[in-house]
């Protein structure tokens, strides 16, 4: 998407694009897509947000505004409240990838 915009930036001035996949999934569905792509079981474990923040996110060392943004974005994700758009396909001419396709194309990264 970024490469397409940078090839002809003038035609994108003032536009806002939402980068989404082809469908919204909850965390259990995401784990199922990872499982299919990797050919092994992947499970979703619902960790309480305050515990995840203290034990994982806070230890990454991101600036406070980034940390807060990530925390804020967990709520719609946990509730499967993301919407989808066709922005990726409209701009690039190629449909957005599913999670399964994205992970399958990067199996070495996830299994390495």
Protein backbone atom coordinates (compact mmCIF):
# COMPACT_ATOMS: atom_id res chain seq x y z
CA UNK A 1 0.00 0.00 0.00
CA UNK A 2 2.74 2.45 0.98
CA UNK A 3 4.73 1.75 -2.19
CA UNK A 4 1.65 2.41 -4.32
CA UNK A 5 1.00 5.73 -2.60
CA UNK A 6 4.65 6.78 -2.88
CA UNK A 7 4.71 6.07 -6.64
CA UNK A 8 2.13 8.82 -7.17
CA UNK A 9 1.74 10.78 -3.93
CA UNK A 10 -0.08 13.75 -5.47
CA UNK A 11 -3.22 11.72 -6.15
CA UNK A 12 -3.39 10.68 -2.47
CA UNK A 13 -3.02 14.10 -0.84
CA UNK A 14 -5.78 14.68 1.70
CA UNK A 15 -6.99 11.10 1.60
CA UNK A 16 -7.18 8.77 4.58
CA UNK A 17 -6.96 5.03 4.10
CA UNK A 18 -7.84 2.34 6.58
CA UNK A 19 -5.52 -0.62 6.24
CA UNK A 20 -7.57 -3.69 7.07
CA UNK A 21 -7.72 -7.30 6.10
CA UNK A 22 -10.62 -8.71 4.13
CA UNK A 23 -12.61 -9.55 7.27
CA UNK A 24 -12.67 -8.81 10.98
CA UNK A 25 -11.74 -11.71 13.22
CA UNK A 26 -11.75 -12.24 16.96
CA UNK A 27 -8.70 -13.60 18.73
CA UNK A 28 -9.88 -17.21 18.61
CA UNK A 29 -10.40 -16.95 14.84
CA UNK A 30 -6.96 -15.37 14.51
CA UNK A 31 -5.40 -18.32 16.34
CA UNK A 32 -7.28 -20.69 13.99
CA UNK A 33 -5.84 -18.88 10.94
CA UNK A 34 -2.33 -19.11 12.43
CA UNK A 35 -2.91 -22.82 13.07
CA UNK A 36 -3.91 -23.48 9.46
CA UNK A 37 -1.01 -21.43 8.08
CA UNK A 38 1.60 -23.03 10.31
CA UNK A 39 0.19 -26.55 10.28
CA UNK A 40 0.25 -26.80 14.06
CA UNK A 41 -2.06 -25.84 16.92
CA UNK A 42 -2.06 -22.21 18.02
CA UNK A 43 -4.31 -21.20 20.90
CA UNK A 44 -5.57 -17.88 22.11
CA UNK A 45 -5.26 -17.28 25.84
CA UNK A 46 -7.26 -14.38 27.22
CA UNK A 47 -4.77 -12.61 29.50
CA UNK A 48 -6.27 -9.80 31.60
CA UNK A 49 -5.29 -6.45 30.11
CA UNK A 50 -3.63 -5.08 33.25
CA UNK A 51 -1.49 -8.22 33.56
CA UNK A 52 -0.50 -8.12 29.87
CA UNK A 53 0.39 -4.45 30.21
CA UNK A 54 2.57 -4.99 33.28
CA UNK A 55 4.21 -8.25 32.22
CA UNK A 56 4.67 -7.69 28.50
CA UNK A 57 3.91 -4.30 27.02
CA UNK A 58 5.54 -2.13 29.69
CA UNK A 59 8.78 -4.13 29.41
CA UNK A 60 9.17 -3.41 25.68
CA UNK A 61 10.34 0.12 26.44
CA UNK A 62 8.23 2.11 23.97
CA UNK A 63 7.53 5.80 24.55
CA UNK A 64 4.47 6.37 26.77
CA UNK A 65 2.31 7.66 23.90
CA UNK A 66 2.98 4.50 21.85
CA UNK A 67 2.29 2.28 24.85
CA UNK A 68 -1.00 4.11 25.45
CA UNK A 69 -1.96 3.78 21.79
CA UNK A 70 -1.37 0.01 21.86
CA UNK A 71 -3.42 -0.29 25.05
CA UNK A 72 -6.23 1.75 23.52
CA UNK A 73 -6.29 -0.38 20.38
CA UNK A 74 -6.60 -3.61 22.35
CA UNK A 75 -10.20 -2.83 23.32
CA UNK A 76 -11.81 -2.91 19.87
CA UNK A 77 -9.59 -5.84 18.95
CA UNK A 78 -10.58 -7.88 22.00
CA UNK A 79 -14.22 -7.18 21.25
CA UNK A 80 -13.92 -7.89 17.49
CA UNK A 81 -15.11 -4.37 16.76
CA UNK A 82 -12.78 -3.55 13.92
CA UNK A 83 -14.44 -2.79 10.66
CA UNK A 84 -13.08 -3.70 7.27
CA UNK A 85 -12.68 -1.58 4.17
CA UNK A 86 -11.72 -2.19 0.57
CA UNK A 87 -9.09 0.59 0.71
CA UNK A 88 -6.17 -1.79 0.08
CA UNK A 89 -7.77 -3.16 -3.08
CA UNK A 90 -8.98 0.25 -4.31
CA UNK A 91 -5.49 1.76 -3.99
CA UNK A 92 -3.32 -1.19 -5.03
CA UNK A 93 -5.65 -3.19 -7.26
CA UNK A 94 -4.88 -6.27 -5.15
CA UNK A 95 -7.21 -7.58 -2.42
CA UNK A 96 -5.99 -7.44 1.17
CA UNK A 97 -4.46 -10.70 2.41
CA UNK A 98 -6.09 -12.91 4.96
CA UNK A 99 -4.19 -13.50 8.18
CA UNK A 100 -3.69 -17.10 7.10
CA UNK A 101 -2.11 -16.07 3.77
CA UNK A 102 0.10 -13.47 5.45
CA UNK A 103 1.39 -15.94 8.04
CA UNK A 104 1.81 -18.77 5.51
CA UNK A 105 4.00 -16.51 3.36
CA UNK A 106 6.22 -15.92 6.41
CA UNK A 107 6.26 -19.42 7.95
CA UNK A 108 10.02 -19.27 8.53
CA UNK A 109 9.61 -16.15 10.64
CA UNK A 110 6.95 -17.74 12.84
CA UNK A 111 8.51 -21.20 13.06
CA UNK A 112 12.17 -20.13 12.94
